[in-house]
Amino acid sequence: MEYQDTLNIMVEVSIYPLRTSSLSGPINAFVDILRSEPELEIRMGNMSTQVLGESRLVFSTIEKAFAKAAAISECVMTLKVSNACPYSPPDKA
């Protein structure tokens, strides 16, 4: 398989705020950053969120989202990354 400059991926991400009485603040801040990027597809679940799109944009947006959540509370974040899941970006018609 050759290197691809543009790579569509799916990331399953979970964030776990630590040492805080309110979990919703860091989680909502994290999700708000993800949702603010119109080029990404966001699929919310009960235990994790799937982020689909171009790899550089996915990773940079997750980095911003983590920084925002970590500014509110200490956090642990887990990621699973796949380039094998079927995903095609929506047409920009």
Protein backbone atom coordinates (compact mmCIF):
# COMPACT_ATOMS: atom_id res chain seq x y z
CA MET A 1 0.00 0.00 0.00
CA GLU A 2 1.38 3.40 -0.98
CA TYR A 3 1.46 6.50 1.20
CA GLN A 4 -1.58 8.71 0.66
CA ASP A 5 -1.35 12.44 1.26
CA THR A 6 -5.09 12.58 1.93
CA LEU A 7 -6.53 9.79 4.03
CA ASN A 8 -10.11 9.41 5.23
CA ILE A 9 -10.35 7.83 8.66
CA MET A 10 -12.78 7.05 11.43
CA VAL A 11 -11.77 7.64 15.05
CA GLU A 12 -13.72 6.35 18.01
CA VAL A 13 -12.95 8.63 20.94
CA SER A 14 -13.93 8.62 24.60
CA ILE A 15 -13.04 11.26 27.16
CA TYR A 16 -13.09 10.65 30.90
CA PRO A 17 -12.92 13.71 33.18
CA LEU A 18 -11.11 13.07 36.47
CA ARG A 19 -11.29 14.66 39.92
CA THR A 20 -14.36 16.76 39.19
CA SER A 21 -17.88 16.72 40.57
CA SER A 22 -19.35 17.64 37.16
CA LEU A 23 -18.59 15.39 34.21
CA SER A 24 -20.79 17.33 31.80
CA GLY A 25 -18.62 20.47 31.60
CA PRO A 26 -15.49 18.88 30.11
CA ILE A 27 -17.48 16.44 27.97
CA ASN A 28 -19.72 19.17 26.54
CA ALA A 29 -16.70 21.39 25.82
CA PHE A 30 -15.02 18.48 24.02
CA VAL A 31 -18.08 17.70 21.91
CA ASP A 32 -18.73 21.37 21.10
CA ILE A 33 -15.28 21.63 19.50
CA LEU A 34 -15.86 18.47 17.46
CA ARG A 35 -19.23 19.73 16.25
CA SER A 36 -17.81 23.13 15.32
CA GLU A 37 -15.91 21.65 12.38
CA PRO A 38 -18.35 21.38 9.44
CA GLU A 39 -16.04 19.13 7.37
CA LEU A 40 -16.26 16.30 9.93
CA GLU A 41 -19.04 13.80 10.46
CA ILE A 42 -19.74 13.29 14.17
CA ARG A 43 -21.69 10.27 15.43
CA MET A 44 -22.55 10.47 19.10
CA GLY A 45 -22.95 7.33 21.21
CA ASN A 46 -23.56 6.62 24.89
CA MET A 47 -19.96 5.61 25.63
CA SER A 48 -17.98 7.09 22.74
CA THR A 49 -18.10 9.37 19.75
CA GLN A 50 -17.08 8.56 16.18
CA VAL A 51 -15.31 11.27 14.21
CA LEU A 52 -15.07 10.75 10.46
CA GLY A 53 -13.16 12.76 7.92
CA GLU A 54 -9.76 13.64 6.50
CA SER A 55 -7.04 12.47 8.90
CA ARG A 56 -5.23 15.78 9.43
CA LEU A 57 -8.48 17.59 10.18
CA VAL A 58 -9.72 14.79 12.46
CA PHE A 59 -6.52 14.77 14.53
CA SER A 60 -6.17 18.55 14.75
CA THR A 61 -9.81 18.92 15.84
CA ILE A 62 -9.48 16.18 18.45
CA GLU A 63 -6.32 17.91 19.73
CA LYS A 64 -8.23 21.20 20.14
CA ALA A 65 -11.15 19.42 21.79
CA PHE A 66 -8.87 17.67 24.28
CA ALA A 67 -7.11 20.94 25.14
CA LYS A 68 -10.47 22.59 25.82
CA ALA A 69 -11.66 19.74 28.06
CA ALA A 70 -8.29 19.53 29.83
CA ALA A 71 -8.48 23.24 30.64
CA ILE A 72 -11.62 22.46 32.66
CA SER A 73 -10.58 19.20 34.33
CA GLU A 74 -7.88 16.56 34.27
CA CYS A 75 -8.92 14.01 31.63
CA VAL A 76 -8.11 10.67 30.10
CA MET A 77 -8.84 10.23 26.39
CA THR A 78 -8.88 6.96 24.47
CA LEU A 79 -8.80 6.67 20.68
CA LYS A 80 -9.27 3.90 18.15
CA VAL A 81 -8.29 4.86 14.61
CA SER A 82 -9.19 3.06 11.40
CA ASN A 83 -8.65 3.65 7.73
CA ALA A 84 -10.50 0.43 6.93
CA CYS A 85 -14.01 1.44 7.96
CA PRO A 86 -16.21 2.32 5.02
CA TYR A 87 -16.45 6.09 4.83
CA SER A 88 -16.82 8.47 1.94
CA PRO A 89 -17.07 12.19 2.57
CA PRO A 90 -20.34 13.78 1.50
CA ASP A 91 -20.44 15.37 -1.95
CA LYS A 92 -19.97 19.12 -1.94
CA ALA A 93 -22.59 19.78 -4.58
